[in-house]
Amino acid sequence: MRAVFGLFASALSLAVSLGFVECERTPAEESLRAAAPPAPRPAPALPTPSSSAEAASADDGRCVRPLPRDPPAAPPKGPDPRCPPDPQGSPTLPIVPVTFADVAGLDVSAELASDPHDTARGLMYRTNLAEGRGMLFDLRARQDHQFWMHNTCIPLDLLFIDEDGLIVGIVESAPTLNDDSRGVGCPSRFVLEVNAGWSRRHGVRPGQRVRLGASR
């Protein structure tokens, strides 16, 4: 997905640098209406997680936000009926395998969003997401990132992942078409979006680790 041109690109880049992703869509939407879906492009290389010895040391004093004991109320099934039409069509993004090291046999095939335009658009307008699929955001900077659900029509779990693969927090069942900012209060570099309730269904929780494979 190519970046939005002109002043819109500058505004969008500033928004991402401040940690507000899945947001600042208002100026970008006008360009999205006129833009044709671009051809897929190679994905950037992802960092290699630390060795187990390095990771154990890095965990000392790490900010990790545990899940509450009780899950949030289950969201309604299916896409939000208020979902707006997609002005462009879903982009074709590289796929990255995300393996959950602490849950045997569990992995996700995630679309990789790594530039400002793809990061800002995210899963907007999608009306379904398969159980083993997701979207991985490489936000390039380690900080307390905040996401919103503007024009996002399916409820999601958001897994905030540090540079070495440690899950530092999970936002569960973020509601659809909602402009409130959500984060976990801990620095991270990546965010993985999956269906709402996926984390608890599969025993995934903060403090566990993921491995990121090569994109394809």
N, C-alpha and C. Protein backbone atom coordinates (compact mmCIF):
# COMPACT_ATOMS: atom_id res chain seq x y z
N MET A 1 0.85 -1.19 0.00
CA MET A 1 0.00 0.00 0.00
C MET A 1 0.88 1.23 0.00
N ARG A 2 0.72 2.10 -0.96
CA ARG A 2 1.59 3.26 -1.02
C ARG A 2 1.14 4.31 -0.02
N ALA A 3 2.06 5.14 0.37
CA ALA A 3 1.75 6.17 1.35
C ALA A 3 0.87 7.23 0.72
N VAL A 4 0.09 7.93 1.54
CA VAL A 4 -0.75 9.02 1.07
C VAL A 4 0.14 10.20 0.71
N PHE A 5 -0.15 10.87 -0.41
CA PHE A 5 0.70 11.94 -0.90
C PHE A 5 0.45 13.26 -0.17
N GLY A 6 1.39 14.20 -0.39
CA GLY A 6 1.24 15.60 0.00
C GLY A 6 1.14 15.81 1.48
N LEU A 7 0.30 16.78 1.87
CA LEU A 7 0.16 17.15 3.27
C LEU A 7 -0.42 16.02 4.08
N PHE A 8 -1.29 15.18 3.44
CA PHE A 8 -1.87 14.07 4.18
C PHE A 8 -0.78 13.13 4.67
N ALA A 9 0.25 12.90 3.87
CA ALA A 9 1.34 12.00 4.26
C ALA A 9 2.09 12.56 5.45
N SER A 10 2.35 13.85 5.46
CA SER A 10 3.08 14.46 6.58
C SER A 10 2.28 14.33 7.86
N ALA A 11 0.97 14.59 7.79
CA ALA A 11 0.14 14.50 8.98
C ALA A 11 0.07 13.08 9.49
N LEU A 12 -0.05 12.12 8.59
CA LEU A 12 -0.14 10.73 8.99
C LEU A 12 1.15 10.23 9.61
N SER A 13 2.29 10.61 9.03
CA SER A 13 3.59 10.20 9.59
C SER A 13 3.77 10.75 11.00
N LEU A 14 3.35 12.03 11.22
CA LEU A 14 3.46 12.62 12.54
C LEU A 14 2.60 11.85 13.53
N ALA A 15 1.38 11.43 13.12
CA ALA A 15 0.49 10.70 14.01
C ALA A 15 1.11 9.39 14.43
N VAL A 16 1.72 8.65 13.48
CA VAL A 16 2.34 7.36 13.83
C VAL A 16 3.52 7.55 14.75
N SER A 17 4.32 8.60 14.50
CA SER A 17 5.50 8.83 15.34
C SER A 17 5.11 9.14 16.77
N LEU A 18 3.89 9.67 16.99
CA LEU A 18 3.41 9.96 18.33
C LEU A 18 2.74 8.76 18.98
N GLY A 19 2.66 7.64 18.22
CA GLY A 19 2.11 6.44 18.80
C GLY A 19 0.62 6.27 18.59
N PHE A 20 -0.05 7.15 17.82
CA PHE A 20 -1.49 7.02 17.59
C PHE A 20 -1.70 6.35 16.25
N VAL A 21 -1.97 5.06 16.28
CA VAL A 21 -2.17 4.31 15.07
C VAL A 21 -3.63 3.90 15.03
N GLU A 22 -4.06 3.37 13.90
CA GLU A 22 -5.46 3.13 13.66
C GLU A 22 -6.24 4.43 13.86
N CYS A 23 -5.64 5.57 13.55
CA CYS A 23 -6.28 6.84 13.82
C CYS A 23 -5.87 7.88 12.80
N GLU A 24 -6.30 9.15 13.01
CA GLU A 24 -6.06 10.24 12.08
C GLU A 24 -6.49 9.85 10.66
N ARG A 25 -7.67 9.23 10.56
CA ARG A 25 -8.10 8.74 9.27
C ARG A 25 -8.82 9.81 8.44
N THR A 26 -9.32 10.86 9.08
CA THR A 26 -10.17 11.80 8.35
C THR A 26 -9.51 12.37 7.12
N PRO A 27 -8.27 12.93 7.19
CA PRO A 27 -7.68 13.44 5.96
C PRO A 27 -7.30 12.36 4.98
N ALA A 28 -6.96 11.15 5.48
CA ALA A 28 -6.50 10.11 4.57
C ALA A 28 -7.65 9.53 3.76
N GLU A 29 -8.88 9.55 4.29
CA GLU A 29 -9.97 8.89 3.61
C GLU A 29 -10.27 9.49 2.25
N GLU A 30 -10.10 10.80 2.09
CA GLU A 30 -10.35 11.41 0.80
C GLU A 30 -9.42 10.84 -0.26
N SER A 31 -8.15 10.63 0.10
CA SER A 31 -7.22 10.05 -0.85
C SER A 31 -7.52 8.58 -1.11
N LEU A 32 -8.01 7.86 -0.07
CA LEU A 32 -8.32 6.47 -0.25
C LEU A 32 -9.45 6.28 -1.27
N ARG A 33 -10.37 7.21 -1.32
CA ARG A 33 -11.49 7.07 -2.25
C ARG A 33 -11.03 7.08 -3.69
N ALA A 34 -9.97 7.84 -3.98
CA ALA A 34 -9.52 7.98 -5.35
C ALA A 34 -8.41 7.03 -5.73
N ALA A 35 -7.81 6.37 -4.73
CA ALA A 35 -6.62 5.55 -5.00
C ALA A 35 -7.02 4.14 -5.39
N ALA A 36 -6.32 3.58 -6.37
CA ALA A 36 -6.53 2.19 -6.76
C ALA A 36 -5.70 1.29 -5.88
N PRO A 37 -6.15 0.04 -5.59
CA PRO A 37 -5.34 -0.87 -4.77
C PRO A 37 -3.98 -1.12 -5.40
N PRO A 38 -2.90 -0.92 -4.68
CA PRO A 38 -1.56 -1.09 -5.23
C PRO A 38 -1.15 -2.56 -5.28
N ALA A 39 -0.09 -2.84 -5.99
CA ALA A 39 0.45 -4.19 -6.05
C ALA A 39 1.17 -4.51 -4.75
N PRO A 40 1.21 -5.79 -4.34
CA PRO A 40 1.94 -6.15 -3.12
C PRO A 40 3.43 -5.86 -3.27
N ARG A 41 4.09 -5.60 -2.14
CA ARG A 41 5.51 -5.29 -2.17
C ARG A 41 6.23 -6.12 -1.13
N PRO A 42 7.54 -6.27 -1.26
CA PRO A 42 8.28 -7.06 -0.26
C PRO A 42 8.18 -6.43 1.12
N ALA A 43 8.14 -7.26 2.14
CA ALA A 43 8.07 -6.75 3.51
C ALA A 43 9.47 -6.51 4.05
N PRO A 44 9.62 -5.56 4.99
CA PRO A 44 10.92 -5.35 5.61
C PRO A 44 11.26 -6.52 6.53
N ALA A 45 12.55 -6.68 6.79
CA ALA A 45 12.99 -7.73 7.71
C ALA A 45 12.55 -7.39 9.13
N LEU A 46 12.13 -8.40 9.87
CA LEU A 46 11.73 -8.21 11.25
C LEU A 46 12.90 -8.58 12.16
N PRO A 47 12.95 -7.98 13.36
CA PRO A 47 14.07 -8.28 14.25
C PRO A 47 14.01 -9.71 14.75
N THR A 48 15.18 -10.28 15.05
CA THR A 48 15.27 -11.62 15.60
C THR A 48 15.15 -11.55 17.11
N PRO A 49 14.20 -12.29 17.73
CA PRO A 49 14.08 -12.26 19.18
C PRO A 49 15.36 -12.68 19.87
N SER A 50 15.53 -12.23 21.11
CA SER A 50 16.73 -12.55 21.88
C SER A 50 16.79 -14.03 22.19
N SER A 51 18.00 -14.51 22.52
CA SER A 51 18.15 -15.88 22.99
C SER A 51 17.46 -16.00 24.34
N SER A 52 17.23 -17.25 24.78
CA SER A 52 16.50 -17.45 26.04
C SER A 52 17.23 -16.82 27.21
N ALA A 53 18.57 -16.87 27.24
CA ALA A 53 19.32 -16.28 28.35
C ALA A 53 19.16 -14.77 28.36
N GLU A 54 19.25 -14.15 27.18
CA GLU A 54 19.08 -12.70 27.10
C GLU A 54 17.67 -12.31 27.47
N ALA A 55 16.68 -13.11 27.03
CA ALA A 55 15.29 -12.78 27.30
C ALA A 55 14.99 -12.84 28.80
N ALA A 56 15.55 -13.85 29.48
CA ALA A 56 15.29 -13.97 30.91
C ALA A 56 15.82 -12.75 31.65
N SER A 57 16.99 -12.27 31.24
CA SER A 57 17.55 -11.08 31.88
C SER A 57 16.70 -9.85 31.57
N ALA A 58 16.20 -9.77 30.31
CA ALA A 58 15.43 -8.60 29.91
C ALA A 58 14.12 -8.51 30.65
N ASP A 59 13.58 -9.63 31.14
CA ASP A 59 12.29 -9.63 31.83
C ASP A 59 12.36 -8.97 33.20
N ASP A 60 13.53 -8.84 33.79
CA ASP A 60 13.64 -8.27 35.12
C ASP A 60 13.14 -6.82 35.11
N GLY A 61 12.10 -6.57 35.89
CA GLY A 61 11.59 -5.21 35.98
C GLY A 61 10.79 -4.76 34.77
N ARG A 62 10.49 -5.67 33.83
CA ARG A 62 9.76 -5.30 32.62
C ARG A 62 8.33 -4.92 32.96
N CYS A 63 7.82 -3.92 32.27
CA CYS A 63 6.42 -3.56 32.41
C CYS A 63 5.58 -4.59 31.67
N VAL A 64 4.78 -5.36 32.41
CA VAL A 64 3.86 -6.33 31.84
C VAL A 64 2.51 -6.14 32.53
N ARG A 65 1.45 -5.94 31.75
CA ARG A 65 0.12 -5.71 32.29
C ARG A 65 -0.68 -7.02 32.26
N PRO A 66 -0.94 -7.63 33.43
CA PRO A 66 -1.66 -8.91 33.43
C PRO A 66 -3.12 -8.74 33.03
N LEU A 67 -3.71 -9.83 32.58
CA LEU A 67 -5.13 -9.81 32.26
C LEU A 67 -5.95 -9.78 33.54
N PRO A 68 -7.11 -9.15 33.51
CA PRO A 68 -8.02 -9.29 34.66
C PRO A 68 -8.49 -10.72 34.79
N ARG A 69 -8.94 -11.09 35.98
CA ARG A 69 -9.37 -12.47 36.20
C ARG A 69 -10.56 -12.83 35.32
N ASP A 70 -11.51 -11.92 35.21
CA ASP A 70 -12.72 -12.20 34.45
C ASP A 70 -12.64 -11.57 33.07
N PRO A 71 -13.06 -12.29 32.04
CA PRO A 71 -13.04 -11.72 30.69
C PRO A 71 -14.12 -10.67 30.52
N PRO A 72 -13.95 -9.78 29.54
CA PRO A 72 -15.01 -8.82 29.25
C PRO A 72 -16.22 -9.53 28.67
N ALA A 73 -17.35 -8.84 28.64
CA ALA A 73 -18.56 -9.41 28.04
C ALA A 73 -18.29 -9.73 26.57
N ALA A 74 -18.82 -10.85 26.13
CA ALA A 74 -18.62 -11.26 24.73
C ALA A 74 -19.31 -10.27 23.80
N PRO A 75 -18.62 -9.82 22.76
CA PRO A 75 -19.24 -8.88 21.82
C PRO A 75 -20.26 -9.60 20.93
N PRO A 76 -21.15 -8.87 20.29
CA PRO A 76 -22.08 -9.50 19.35
C PRO A 76 -21.32 -10.22 18.23
N LYS A 77 -21.88 -11.31 17.73
CA LYS A 77 -21.24 -12.06 16.66
C LYS A 77 -21.43 -11.34 15.33
N GLY A 78 -20.45 -11.50 14.46
CA GLY A 78 -20.53 -10.92 13.13
C GLY A 78 -20.11 -9.47 13.10
N PRO A 79 -20.02 -8.88 11.90
CA PRO A 79 -19.60 -7.49 11.76
C PRO A 79 -20.67 -6.52 12.25
N ASP A 80 -20.24 -5.35 12.63
CA ASP A 80 -21.18 -4.31 13.04
C ASP A 80 -22.05 -3.93 11.84
N PRO A 81 -23.38 -3.94 11.99
CA PRO A 81 -24.25 -3.60 10.85
C PRO A 81 -24.08 -2.16 10.38
N ARG A 82 -23.45 -1.32 11.19
CA ARG A 82 -23.21 0.08 10.79
C ARG A 82 -21.94 0.23 9.96
N CYS A 83 -21.28 -0.87 9.63
CA CYS A 83 -19.99 -0.82 8.94
C CYS A 83 -20.08 -0.01 7.65
N PRO A 84 -19.23 1.00 7.49
CA PRO A 84 -19.26 1.79 6.25
C PRO A 84 -18.65 1.01 5.09
N PRO A 85 -19.01 1.36 3.85
CA PRO A 85 -18.40 0.67 2.70
C PRO A 85 -16.92 0.99 2.59
N ASP A 86 -16.17 0.03 2.09
CA ASP A 86 -14.73 0.22 1.89
C ASP A 86 -14.51 1.06 0.64
N PRO A 87 -13.87 2.22 0.76
CA PRO A 87 -13.68 3.07 -0.41
C PRO A 87 -12.60 2.58 -1.36
N GLN A 88 -11.81 1.59 -0.94
CA GLN A 88 -10.68 1.19 -1.76
C GLN A 88 -10.59 -0.30 -2.02
N GLY A 89 -10.98 -1.12 -1.10
CA GLY A 89 -10.76 -2.56 -1.19
C GLY A 89 -9.56 -2.95 -0.35
N SER A 90 -9.61 -4.15 0.20
CA SER A 90 -8.54 -4.58 1.11
C SER A 90 -7.21 -4.66 0.37
N PRO A 91 -6.14 -4.13 0.96
CA PRO A 91 -4.82 -4.21 0.33
C PRO A 91 -4.26 -5.62 0.40
N THR A 92 -3.29 -5.91 -0.45
CA THR A 92 -2.56 -7.18 -0.39
C THR A 92 -1.25 -6.94 0.34
N LEU A 93 -1.14 -7.48 1.54
CA LEU A 93 0.03 -7.26 2.38
C LEU A 93 0.82 -8.56 2.54
N PRO A 94 2.11 -8.46 2.84
CA PRO A 94 2.90 -9.68 3.11
C PRO A 94 2.33 -10.42 4.32
N ILE A 95 2.52 -11.74 4.34
CA ILE A 95 2.06 -12.58 5.45
C ILE A 95 3.25 -13.00 6.30
N VAL A 96 3.10 -12.85 7.62
CA VAL A 96 4.14 -13.21 8.57
C VAL A 96 3.59 -14.28 9.51
N PRO A 97 4.29 -15.41 9.68
CA PRO A 97 3.86 -16.38 10.68
C PRO A 97 4.26 -15.92 12.09
N VAL A 98 3.30 -15.94 12.99
CA VAL A 98 3.53 -15.58 14.39
C VAL A 98 3.29 -16.84 15.21
N THR A 99 4.34 -17.35 15.85
CA THR A 99 4.26 -18.60 16.63
C THR A 99 4.27 -18.26 18.11
N PHE A 100 3.38 -18.89 18.86
CA PHE A 100 3.27 -18.65 20.30
C PHE A 100 4.09 -19.71 21.02
N ALA A 101 5.24 -19.29 21.52
CA ALA A 101 6.23 -20.23 22.04
C ALA A 101 5.74 -21.00 23.26
N ASP A 102 4.80 -20.42 24.02
CA ASP A 102 4.35 -21.04 25.26
C ASP A 102 3.05 -21.81 25.12
N VAL A 103 2.50 -21.88 23.92
CA VAL A 103 1.26 -22.63 23.68
C VAL A 103 1.54 -23.59 22.53
N ALA A 104 1.61 -24.85 22.83
CA ALA A 104 2.03 -25.84 21.83
C ALA A 104 1.13 -25.83 20.60
N GLY A 105 1.76 -25.73 19.44
CA GLY A 105 1.05 -25.84 18.18
C GLY A 105 0.25 -24.62 17.77
N LEU A 106 0.39 -23.51 18.49
CA LEU A 106 -0.43 -22.34 18.19
C LEU A 106 0.36 -21.33 17.35
N ASP A 107 -0.22 -20.93 16.23
CA ASP A 107 0.38 -19.87 15.43
C ASP A 107 -0.71 -19.11 14.70
N VAL A 108 -0.34 -17.96 14.16
CA VAL A 108 -1.25 -17.09 13.43
C VAL A 108 -0.55 -16.66 12.15
N SER A 109 -1.27 -16.66 11.05
CA SER A 109 -0.78 -16.07 9.81
C SER A 109 -1.27 -14.63 9.77
N ALA A 110 -0.33 -13.69 9.90
CA ALA A 110 -0.69 -12.29 10.07
C ALA A 110 -0.27 -11.45 8.88
N GLU A 111 -1.17 -10.60 8.41
CA GLU A 111 -0.79 -9.59 7.44
C GLU A 111 0.13 -8.58 8.14
N LEU A 112 1.18 -8.16 7.46
CA LEU A 112 2.15 -7.25 8.05
C LEU A 112 1.92 -5.83 7.57
N ALA A 113 1.57 -4.94 8.50
CA ALA A 113 1.44 -3.51 8.22
C ALA A 113 2.66 -2.81 8.79
N SER A 114 3.45 -2.16 7.91
CA SER A 114 4.71 -1.60 8.40
C SER A 114 4.97 -0.18 7.91
N ASP A 115 4.15 0.36 6.99
CA ASP A 115 4.35 1.75 6.61
C ASP A 115 3.20 2.59 7.17
N PRO A 116 3.33 3.92 7.17
CA PRO A 116 2.31 4.75 7.82
C PRO A 116 0.90 4.55 7.27
N HIS A 117 0.77 4.41 5.97
CA HIS A 117 -0.56 4.27 5.39
C HIS A 117 -1.22 2.96 5.81
N ASP A 118 -0.50 1.84 5.68
CA ASP A 118 -1.06 0.55 6.05
C ASP A 118 -1.34 0.48 7.55
N THR A 119 -0.46 1.09 8.34
CA THR A 119 -0.64 1.10 9.79
C THR A 119 -1.89 1.88 10.16
N ALA A 120 -2.11 3.01 9.54
CA ALA A 120 -3.28 3.83 9.85
C ALA A 120 -4.56 3.15 9.40
N ARG A 121 -4.52 2.44 8.29
CA ARG A 121 -5.72 1.78 7.77
C ARG A 121 -6.04 0.51 8.53
N GLY A 122 -5.03 -0.29 8.84
CA GLY A 122 -5.23 -1.49 9.63
C GLY A 122 -6.30 -2.40 9.06
N LEU A 123 -7.21 -2.84 9.93
CA LEU A 123 -8.31 -3.73 9.53
C LEU A 123 -9.61 -2.97 9.31
N MET A 124 -9.51 -1.70 9.00
CA MET A 124 -10.71 -0.92 8.71
C MET A 124 -11.53 -1.58 7.61
N TYR A 125 -12.85 -1.52 7.78
CA TYR A 125 -13.85 -1.97 6.78
C TYR A 125 -13.94 -3.48 6.64
N ARG A 126 -13.05 -4.26 7.26
CA ARG A 126 -13.15 -5.71 7.13
C ARG A 126 -14.42 -6.20 7.84
N THR A 127 -15.05 -7.19 7.27
CA THR A 127 -16.27 -7.73 7.86
C THR A 127 -16.07 -9.15 8.38
N ASN A 128 -14.89 -9.70 8.23
CA ASN A 128 -14.61 -11.02 8.80
C ASN A 128 -13.10 -11.20 8.92
N LEU A 129 -12.71 -12.08 9.82
CA LEU A 129 -11.31 -12.42 10.04
C LEU A 129 -11.28 -13.87 10.48
N ALA A 130 -10.60 -14.72 9.72
CA ALA A 130 -10.55 -16.14 10.05
C ALA A 130 -9.85 -16.35 11.40
N GLU A 131 -10.17 -17.47 12.07
CA GLU A 131 -9.65 -17.72 13.42
C GLU A 131 -8.14 -17.76 13.46
N GLY A 132 -7.49 -18.28 12.45
CA GLY A 132 -6.04 -18.37 12.45
C GLY A 132 -5.34 -17.23 11.75
N ARG A 133 -6.06 -16.13 11.53
CA ARG A 133 -5.49 -14.98 10.83
C ARG A 133 -5.47 -13.76 11.75
N GLY A 134 -4.66 -12.77 11.35
CA GLY A 134 -4.57 -11.54 12.12
C GLY A 134 -3.83 -10.48 11.32
N MET A 135 -3.53 -9.38 11.96
CA MET A 135 -2.70 -8.33 11.37
C MET A 135 -1.63 -7.93 12.38
N LEU A 136 -0.37 -7.94 11.94
CA LEU A 136 0.77 -7.56 12.78
C LEU A 136 1.25 -6.18 12.35
N PHE A 137 1.32 -5.26 13.31
CA PHE A 137 1.81 -3.92 13.06
C PHE A 137 3.25 -3.82 13.57
N ASP A 138 4.19 -3.51 12.69
CA ASP A 138 5.55 -3.19 13.10
C ASP A 138 5.64 -1.67 13.19
N LEU A 139 5.62 -1.17 14.42
CA LEU A 139 5.52 0.27 14.66
C LEU A 139 6.88 0.94 14.74
N ARG A 140 7.96 0.17 14.59
CA ARG A 140 9.33 0.66 14.43
C ARG A 140 9.91 1.33 15.67
N ALA A 141 9.09 1.72 16.62
CA ALA A 141 9.58 2.41 17.82
C ALA A 141 9.00 1.73 19.05
N ARG A 142 9.81 1.62 20.09
CA ARG A 142 9.38 0.99 21.34
C ARG A 142 8.81 2.08 22.25
N GLN A 143 7.48 2.08 22.40
CA GLN A 143 6.83 3.06 23.25
C GLN A 143 5.44 2.55 23.63
N ASP A 144 4.73 3.34 24.43
CA ASP A 144 3.37 2.98 24.86
C ASP A 144 2.41 3.36 23.74
N HIS A 145 2.18 2.42 22.83
CA HIS A 145 1.35 2.70 21.66
C HIS A 145 -0.14 2.67 22.04
N GLN A 146 -0.92 3.49 21.32
CA GLN A 146 -2.35 3.58 21.52
C GLN A 146 -3.06 3.29 20.20
N PHE A 147 -4.12 2.49 20.27
CA PHE A 147 -4.90 2.15 19.08
C PHE A 147 -6.35 2.58 19.28
N TRP A 148 -7.04 2.81 18.15
CA TRP A 148 -8.48 3.02 18.22
C TRP A 148 -9.14 2.12 17.19
N MET A 149 -10.49 2.14 17.15
CA MET A 149 -11.25 1.23 16.30
C MET A 149 -12.10 2.01 15.29
N HIS A 150 -11.59 3.15 14.86
CA HIS A 150 -12.30 3.96 13.89
C HIS A 150 -12.50 3.17 12.59
N ASN A 151 -13.74 3.10 12.11
CA ASN A 151 -14.08 2.38 10.88
C ASN A 151 -13.70 0.90 10.92
N THR A 152 -13.51 0.36 12.12
CA THR A 152 -13.19 -1.05 12.28
C THR A 152 -14.45 -1.79 12.69
N CYS A 153 -14.88 -2.75 11.87
CA CYS A 153 -16.23 -3.30 11.95
C CYS A 153 -16.32 -4.62 12.68
N ILE A 154 -15.19 -5.23 13.05
CA ILE A 154 -15.19 -6.48 13.79
C ILE A 154 -14.45 -6.26 15.11
N PRO A 155 -14.98 -6.80 16.23
CA PRO A 155 -14.29 -6.63 17.52
C PRO A 155 -12.99 -7.42 17.53
N LEU A 156 -11.99 -6.90 18.24
CA LEU A 156 -10.65 -7.46 18.17
C LEU A 156 -10.00 -7.56 19.55
N ASP A 157 -9.09 -8.53 19.68
CA ASP A 157 -8.09 -8.52 20.75
C ASP A 157 -6.82 -7.89 20.18
N LEU A 158 -6.15 -7.06 20.95
CA LEU A 158 -4.91 -6.41 20.54
C LEU A 158 -3.79 -6.87 21.47
N LEU A 159 -2.81 -7.57 20.92
CA LEU A 159 -1.68 -8.07 21.70
C LEU A 159 -0.49 -7.15 21.48
N PHE A 160 0.00 -6.53 22.56
CA PHE A 160 1.13 -5.61 22.49
C PHE A 160 2.40 -6.41 22.80
N ILE A 161 3.35 -6.39 21.87
CA ILE A 161 4.51 -7.28 21.90
C ILE A 161 5.79 -6.45 21.87
N ASP A 162 6.71 -6.74 22.79
CA ASP A 162 7.97 -6.02 22.85
C ASP A 162 8.93 -6.52 21.77
N GLU A 163 10.08 -5.86 21.66
CA GLU A 163 11.03 -6.15 20.58
C GLU A 163 11.55 -7.58 20.61
N ASP A 164 11.64 -8.18 21.79
CA ASP A 164 12.17 -9.54 21.91
C ASP A 164 11.08 -10.60 21.89
N GLY A 165 9.84 -10.22 21.58
CA GLY A 165 8.76 -11.18 21.48
C GLY A 165 7.93 -11.34 22.73
N LEU A 166 8.21 -10.61 23.80
CA LEU A 166 7.43 -10.71 25.03
C LEU A 166 6.09 -9.98 24.87
N ILE A 167 5.00 -10.67 25.19
CA ILE A 167 3.68 -10.04 25.20
C ILE A 167 3.57 -9.23 26.49
N VAL A 168 3.49 -7.91 26.38
CA VAL A 168 3.48 -7.06 27.57
C VAL A 168 2.07 -6.69 28.00
N GLY A 169 1.08 -6.95 27.17
CA GLY A 169 -0.30 -6.64 27.54
C GLY A 169 -1.25 -6.97 26.41
N ILE A 170 -2.52 -7.13 26.76
CA ILE A 170 -3.55 -7.46 25.78
C ILE A 170 -4.78 -6.60 26.05
N VAL A 171 -5.25 -5.90 25.04
CA VAL A 171 -6.56 -5.25 25.09
C VAL A 171 -7.56 -6.25 24.54
N GLU A 172 -8.53 -6.63 25.37
CA GLU A 172 -9.49 -7.66 24.96
C GLU A 172 -10.78 -7.04 24.43
N SER A 173 -11.28 -7.62 23.37
CA SER A 173 -12.60 -7.30 22.83
C SER A 173 -12.81 -5.80 22.65
N ALA A 174 -11.86 -5.17 21.95
CA ALA A 174 -12.04 -3.75 21.62
C ALA A 174 -13.30 -3.60 20.77
N PRO A 175 -14.20 -2.69 21.13
CA PRO A 175 -15.49 -2.59 20.45
C PRO A 175 -15.38 -1.96 19.07
N THR A 176 -16.32 -2.27 18.22
CA THR A 176 -16.32 -1.80 16.84
C THR A 176 -16.67 -0.32 16.74
N LEU A 177 -16.17 0.30 15.67
CA LEU A 177 -16.52 1.68 15.31
C LEU A 177 -16.43 2.61 16.52
N ASN A 178 -15.31 2.51 17.22
CA ASN A 178 -15.13 3.25 18.47
C ASN A 178 -13.84 4.05 18.38
N ASP A 179 -13.90 5.33 18.73
CA ASP A 179 -12.74 6.21 18.58
C ASP A 179 -11.95 6.42 19.86
N ASP A 180 -12.25 5.67 20.91
CA ASP A 180 -11.46 5.78 22.14
C ASP A 180 -10.08 5.15 21.92
N SER A 181 -9.04 5.80 22.46
CA SER A 181 -7.69 5.24 22.37
C SER A 181 -7.52 4.15 23.42
N ARG A 182 -6.85 3.07 23.02
CA ARG A 182 -6.64 1.95 23.93
C ARG A 182 -5.19 1.49 23.86
N GLY A 183 -4.62 1.21 25.03
CA GLY A 183 -3.27 0.70 25.13
C GLY A 183 -3.15 -0.09 26.42
N VAL A 184 -1.92 -0.53 26.74
CA VAL A 184 -1.70 -1.32 27.95
C VAL A 184 -0.79 -0.62 28.95
N GLY A 185 -0.29 0.57 28.60
CA GLY A 185 0.55 1.31 29.52
C GLY A 185 1.98 0.80 29.61
N CYS A 186 2.39 -0.07 28.69
CA CYS A 186 3.74 -0.61 28.68
C CYS A 186 4.35 -0.42 27.30
N PRO A 187 5.67 -0.19 27.22
CA PRO A 187 6.31 -0.04 25.90
C PRO A 187 6.24 -1.34 25.10
N SER A 188 6.05 -1.19 23.81
CA SER A 188 6.06 -2.33 22.89
C SER A 188 6.50 -1.82 21.53
N ARG A 189 6.83 -2.75 20.64
CA ARG A 189 7.14 -2.37 19.25
C ARG A 189 6.07 -2.87 18.29
N PHE A 190 5.48 -4.03 18.61
CA PHE A 190 4.52 -4.65 17.70
C PHE A 190 3.15 -4.71 18.36
N VAL A 191 2.13 -4.75 17.52
CA VAL A 191 0.77 -5.05 17.98
C VAL A 191 0.19 -6.08 17.01
N LEU A 192 -0.36 -7.15 17.57
CA LEU A 192 -1.02 -8.18 16.77
C LEU A 192 -2.52 -8.10 17.04
N GLU A 193 -3.30 -7.94 15.98
CA GLU A 193 -4.76 -7.91 16.09
C GLU A 193 -5.32 -9.26 15.64
N VAL A 194 -6.19 -9.83 16.49
CA VAL A 194 -6.88 -11.08 16.19
C VAL A 194 -8.33 -10.91 16.62
N ASN A 195 -9.15 -11.90 16.33
CA ASN A 195 -10.56 -11.82 16.70
C ASN A 195 -10.75 -11.65 18.20
N ALA A 196 -11.78 -10.93 18.59
CA ALA A 196 -12.10 -10.75 20.00
C ALA A 196 -12.32 -12.11 20.67
N GLY A 197 -11.71 -12.29 21.84
CA GLY A 197 -11.83 -13.53 22.59
C GLY A 197 -10.82 -14.60 22.21
N TRP A 198 -10.05 -14.34 21.14
CA TRP A 198 -9.08 -15.34 20.68
C TRP A 198 -8.03 -15.65 21.75
N SER A 199 -7.57 -14.63 22.44
CA SER A 199 -6.48 -14.81 23.41
C SER A 199 -6.87 -15.81 24.50
N ARG A 200 -8.01 -15.61 25.12
CA ARG A 200 -8.42 -16.52 26.20
C ARG A 200 -8.80 -17.90 25.65
N ARG A 201 -9.38 -17.96 24.47
CA ARG A 201 -9.74 -19.26 23.91
C ARG A 201 -8.52 -20.15 23.74
N HIS A 202 -7.36 -19.52 23.48
CA HIS A 202 -6.15 -20.29 23.20
C HIS A 202 -5.13 -20.23 24.35
N GLY A 203 -5.51 -19.68 25.48
CA GLY A 203 -4.60 -19.65 26.62
C GLY A 203 -3.43 -18.70 26.47
N VAL A 204 -3.61 -17.64 25.70
CA VAL A 204 -2.54 -16.65 25.49
C VAL A 204 -2.72 -15.54 26.51
N ARG A 205 -1.60 -15.14 27.15
CA ARG A 205 -1.68 -14.11 28.17
C ARG A 205 -0.37 -13.31 28.21
N PRO A 206 -0.38 -12.13 28.80
CA PRO A 206 0.85 -11.36 28.95
C PRO A 206 1.91 -12.15 29.73
N GLY A 207 3.19 -11.92 29.36
CA GLY A 207 4.30 -12.64 29.95
C GLY A 207 4.75 -13.80 29.10
N GLN A 208 3.91 -14.24 28.16
CA GLN A 208 4.32 -15.27 27.21
C GLN A 208 5.08 -14.62 26.05
N ARG A 209 5.59 -15.49 25.18
CA ARG A 209 6.42 -15.00 24.07
C ARG A 209 5.91 -15.47 22.72
N VAL A 210 6.22 -14.66 21.71
CA VAL A 210 5.95 -15.05 20.33
C VAL A 210 7.25 -15.04 19.56
N ARG A 211 7.25 -15.78 18.45
CA ARG A 211 8.36 -15.74 17.49
C ARG A 211 7.80 -15.28 16.16
N LEU A 212 8.51 -14.38 15.51
CA LEU A 212 8.08 -13.85 14.22
C LEU A 212 8.91 -14.50 13.13
N GLY A 213 8.25 -15.13 12.17
CA GLY A 213 8.95 -15.78 11.09
C GLY A 213 9.19 -14.84 9.93
N ALA A 214 9.79 -15.35 8.87
CA ALA A 214 10.06 -14.56 7.68
C ALA A 214 8.76 -14.32 6.92
N SER A 215 8.62 -13.13 6.36
CA SER A 215 7.41 -12.80 5.60
C SER A 215 7.41 -13.53 4.28
N ARG A 216 6.21 -13.69 3.71
CA ARG A 216 6.10 -14.34 2.41
C ARG A 216 5.02 -13.65 1.58
